[in-house]
Protein backbone atom coordinates (compact mmCIF):
# COMPACT_ATOMS: atom_id res chain seq x y z
CA UNK A 1 -24.43 37.39 13.41
CA UNK A 2 -25.83 34.65 11.18
CA UNK A 3 -22.90 35.00 8.77
CA UNK A 4 -20.39 34.61 11.60
CA UNK A 5 -22.24 31.54 12.79
CA UNK A 6 -22.18 29.98 9.32
CA UNK A 7 -18.53 30.83 8.68
CA UNK A 8 -17.12 29.68 12.01
CA UNK A 9 -19.35 26.65 12.65
CA UNK A 10 -17.07 24.19 10.74
CA UNK A 11 -14.05 25.39 12.74
CA UNK A 12 -15.95 25.02 15.99
CA UNK A 13 -17.12 21.51 15.11
CA UNK A 14 -13.60 20.50 14.03
CA UNK A 15 -12.27 21.71 17.38
CA UNK A 16 -14.91 19.68 19.23
CA UNK A 17 -14.00 16.56 17.27
CA UNK A 18 -10.27 17.06 17.86
CA UNK A 19 -10.70 17.66 21.58
CA UNK A 20 -12.93 14.59 21.89
CA UNK A 21 -10.32 12.37 20.23
CA UNK A 22 -7.42 14.12 21.97
CA UNK A 23 -8.68 13.36 25.49
CA UNK A 24 -8.76 9.62 24.75
CA UNK A 25 -5.19 9.38 23.43
CA UNK A 26 -2.52 7.54 25.37
CA UNK A 27 0.21 9.62 23.73
CA UNK A 28 -1.07 13.22 23.48
CA UNK A 29 2.22 14.49 22.04
CA UNK A 30 1.88 12.22 19.04
CA UNK A 31 -1.78 13.18 18.54
CA UNK A 32 -1.00 16.90 18.72
CA UNK A 33 1.95 16.49 16.35
CA UNK A 34 -0.26 14.64 13.88
CA UNK A 35 -2.78 17.46 14.09
CA UNK A 36 -0.07 20.03 13.33
CA UNK A 37 1.22 18.00 10.39
CA UNK A 38 -2.33 17.73 9.08
CA UNK A 39 -2.84 21.48 9.36
CA UNK A 40 0.41 22.20 7.51
CA UNK A 41 -0.41 19.64 4.83
CA UNK A 42 -3.86 21.17 4.40
CA UNK A 43 -2.32 24.62 3.97
CA UNK A 44 0.14 23.32 1.39
CA UNK A 45 -2.65 21.59 -0.51
CA UNK A 46 -4.70 24.78 -0.44
CA UNK A 47 -1.90 26.74 -2.06
CA UNK A 48 -1.30 23.93 -4.56
CA UNK A 49 -4.99 24.17 -5.52
CA UNK A 50 -4.59 27.90 -6.06
CA UNK A 51 -1.55 27.25 -8.20
CA UNK A 52 -3.01 24.41 -10.27
CA UNK A 53 -6.58 25.69 -10.35
CA UNK A 54 -9.60 24.59 -8.45
CA UNK A 55 -10.51 22.04 -11.13
CA UNK A 56 -7.54 19.99 -9.89
CA UNK A 57 -8.69 20.26 -6.30
CA UNK A 58 -10.97 17.22 -6.64
CA UNK A 59 -8.00 15.06 -7.63
CA UNK A 60 -5.89 16.35 -4.74
CA UNK A 61 -8.73 15.74 -2.26
CA UNK A 62 -9.39 12.26 -3.63
CA UNK A 63 -5.74 11.28 -3.25
CA UNK A 64 -5.69 12.71 0.29
CA UNK A 65 -8.76 10.73 1.34
CA UNK A 66 -7.37 7.58 -0.26
CA UNK A 67 -4.10 7.93 1.68
CA UNK A 68 -5.99 8.64 4.90
CA UNK A 69 -8.10 5.52 4.35
CA UNK A 70 -5.01 3.39 3.68
CA UNK A 71 -3.18 4.61 6.78
CA UNK A 72 -6.29 4.32 8.98
CA UNK A 73 -6.92 0.75 7.85
CA UNK A 74 -3.32 -0.22 8.65
CA UNK A 75 -3.76 1.02 12.20
CA UNK A 76 -6.77 -1.16 12.99
């Protein structure tokens, strides 16, 4: 039971965060589409990390966060 709680807690928290932001959106279709694109991109990056090795994962994550920061700062 404790293992299930530890494994699924990040997914549960991510769903709470998404639903909290989703309810405040003026265009829910765009928000849901962005979520789907993010999920697909995350899956692609996961497989790229398996292909290139997990030592390259830090570089991939750093670039992803940098791009997210750039696009988020443009919005505000």
